[in-house]
Amino acid sequence: MIKNPIHSLFKTSLLVCFSLTSNYLQAQQIFSTNKYPITDFRQPLDIMPPALAGSFGEIRGNHFHSGIDFRTNQREGYPVYAVADGYISRLRVQNSGFGQALYLNHPNGYTTVYGHLQRFAPKIATIVKNLEYEKKSFEIDEFPEATLIPVRKGEIIAWSGNRGSSGGPHLHFEIRDTKTEETINPQFFGIDIPDNIPPIIHGLYVYRLNGKTFNESIPKQAIGITGASGNYKTLAPISLTGEVGFGIVVTDRHNGLSGTNGVYSIQLELDGKMIYTSALERFSFENSKAINSHIDYPTYINTKRSIQKSFVDPGNPLKIYSGLVNSGKINFNDGVSHQLRYIITDSKGNSSVLPFTVNAGSAPTVAATVPGGIVYAYNKVNEFNSDEIKVLIPQGSLYNDLNFTYKKLPKPAGNAWSNIHQIHNRYTPLHTGFNLWIRADALPENLRNKALIVSTGGSSQGGSFDNGYLKANPKNFGSFYIAIDTIAPRIIPINIANGKSMTGLSKMTFKISDNLSGIKSFNGYIDGKWALMEFDTKTATLWHSFDDRTASGKHDFELVVSDVKDNVRRYSISFAR
């Protein structure tokens, strides 16, 4: 039987007690009541020992990492194996995201996902290309019948790559619950990564809440710490009065070629009692953006430093928390000393501890002052209207009550058809974004179909004309105005020109870009017939790989690229093969 380190260490009971031996300290913890199969799955690669560039649940921009990233020695082309018997349940090709990905359903109720693939196995590649030609689209998202592409454990299904929104060659691998589609930490399933290194604690912070809603104006103090190899301490006792919350900066590494990874669990004890636990066993994709509530979002925006808060906002929908007392917030008003302790654990069960003392004051609790702005409740639909804009914040988008602010600023120079509208500020995260309408009185009727809402940073929010307003759905608060896009995308040929012989070349290559609204579609035609063009967003590279659909001889080629506002650029040449 393959040893599963998480199960052997944490078992499946609700409370598991760990003992103190050789400074290896672990506390009573709620980890998992689920039982996962630990012998069903093999490793998806044959690179040994396996090493990770990214761990499950680690903090990424706007989301938790949904799987584990296997290192591939900084190159592409390693065979990717089906980890168990099953069938291909989903074929996905994207400009960004996973790029090329396969989803396998298995009889045990789980789905495995393989992303950023260089190429598919031949039998799968043929099906994918036929679907792309049938639909006349490079991007596809298809769900084959269970009988179409069966696979066996250990069968090569693809080769590792760097496609989509990948920062370098690697294999992204996930295990999901087929029924709920929640993604689960693969190390619960016997996917073993050698690791005897405890997590690293980089920083401790205290937030003086005192009844206030958490926001960018809450006073924050860094607490000096020292230590290594799993044992840490503060440089001095901490004196606090009133209601506070704590935050911590932690990372993890494993043996061998390890990236800087995330940790599995964070626990905080107060006088021997657990008051906060977060454990990244599994999560749903619809809640992944709530990472911006889990961390100190204003600090992340300003510094990219990921402080994980040990207190939970009321509108945070994540299910990773347990054992919460007062949502993790602590009142220090009794004038006595308190013993606190952080226990940080990785997916292999290695732990680090940070004990510290807080000397509480005895001042009476002071009622929180309410800052300026309009108070919006996190658990309601909220609307704001002025003579030039309308704002609607859906229920479930705010993580905390909000003191909403709005300011109208002068119209910027250049391509602008409205004033700038400052909608609150960029330091307040949103779960689902908001609806924004900007009055478009100054916009000529002939330009309405070219108009869009943009941020002052130049990012397009899209937009459609709606009863005298331009409407869009920004994902974050910020400053916005109306602009127009009448400029067609740009096409730059890389290895092809009119009349050129392409004999001996495997593909024709281009760079494409757009000035504002973004690329919406690209279509190639050889001798009037649709030809598959493949695109990589991160490099803006577009290409067509020649196959037996293009015989020897002279051919006419046309490339048509359009943007979101239907500005079209055409490129037409003849070439020979």
Foldseek 3Di string as FASTA:
>chain_A
DQDQLLCVQVNQDQWDADDQDPNQDDGTDGAHNDAAAAPAFDAQFPDPPWEWQEFAQWDDVLFGQQFTWTDDPQDWFTFTWDGFWFFFFKWWADLADQHTKTWTDDPVQKIKIKGQFPWFDVVVRVVLVVVCQVVVHRTDIDGDDRPPGTDHGGDGTGIWHQFHHRPTTTIGMWMARNVVRKTFGCSSHNPDRAFDFAKDWDWKKKWQCLPHWDFPPTDMDTFAKDDGRQEIETPAAAEDAFKMWMWTAIWDFGPDPYHTYHAAKKWKDKQRATAKIFGPGIWDPLQGSLLCQQFQQLCCVVPVGTIGIRFGFQLRPTPRMDNHDNRRMDGQAPQAKMKMKMWTHHSSGRIHMYIHMYGGHNDDRDHDDDDAADKDAQQQWDWDDDPFKIKIAHRSFFRGIDRWDKDWAQFDPDFFQGTKIQTRAQRGATSFFIKMWGARPRDDPVQQLFKFKAFPVQATQGWHDDDRITMGTDRGGGIIGMGGFQDWKDKAWDPDDAAEECPPPFKTKIAIFGRHQTWDDKWKAKQNRTFDWRHHVVRSMIMGGDDPVDDFFKIKMKMWTGGPSGRIDMDIHMYGD
